[in-house]
Protein backbone atom coordinates (compact mmCIF):
# COMPACT_ATOMS: atom_id res chain seq x y z
CA MET A 1 64.85 149.86 45.01
CA ASN A 2 62.01 148.49 47.37
CA SER A 3 60.12 146.40 44.51
CA PHE A 4 63.59 145.07 44.01
CA PHE A 5 63.82 143.98 47.83
CA ALA A 6 60.11 142.73 47.56
CA ARG A 7 61.21 140.05 44.80
CA LEU A 8 64.38 139.35 46.56
CA LYS A 9 61.84 138.55 49.59
CA THR A 10 59.70 136.49 47.77
CA LYS A 11 62.16 134.73 45.86
CA ALA A 12 64.24 133.87 49.37
CA GLY A 13 60.80 132.76 50.21
CA ILE A 14 60.49 130.04 48.02
CA TYR A 15 63.85 128.97 47.85
CA PHE A 16 65.02 129.06 51.70
CA PRO A 17 63.73 128.04 54.92
CA LYS A 18 62.76 130.80 56.74
CA ASN A 19 64.84 130.35 59.78
CA PHE A 20 67.75 130.68 57.05
CA LEU A 21 66.37 134.14 56.24
CA LEU A 22 65.83 135.28 60.03
CA LYS A 23 69.61 134.46 60.44
CA ILE A 24 70.49 136.67 57.28
CA LYS A 25 68.30 139.25 58.59
CA ASP A 26 69.97 139.74 61.96
CA ARG A 27 73.45 139.27 60.56
CA VAL A 28 72.09 142.31 58.30
CA ILE A 29 71.01 144.31 61.29
CA ARG A 30 73.98 143.78 63.24
CA PHE A 31 76.12 144.60 60.42
CA ARG A 32 73.95 148.03 59.65
CA LYS A 33 74.47 148.79 63.35
CA SER A 34 78.25 148.17 63.18
CA LEU A 35 78.48 150.80 60.56
CA THR A 36 76.70 153.52 62.25
CA ASN A 37 78.61 153.08 65.23
């Protein structure tokens, strides 16, 4: 599972600008927090 995310990260790093990735990361973190609460 970890290697899958690593591959996804490298692909995303190639295809998307980094600030776009950071926005997604922030959204995912917020989503996880809302799930745990």
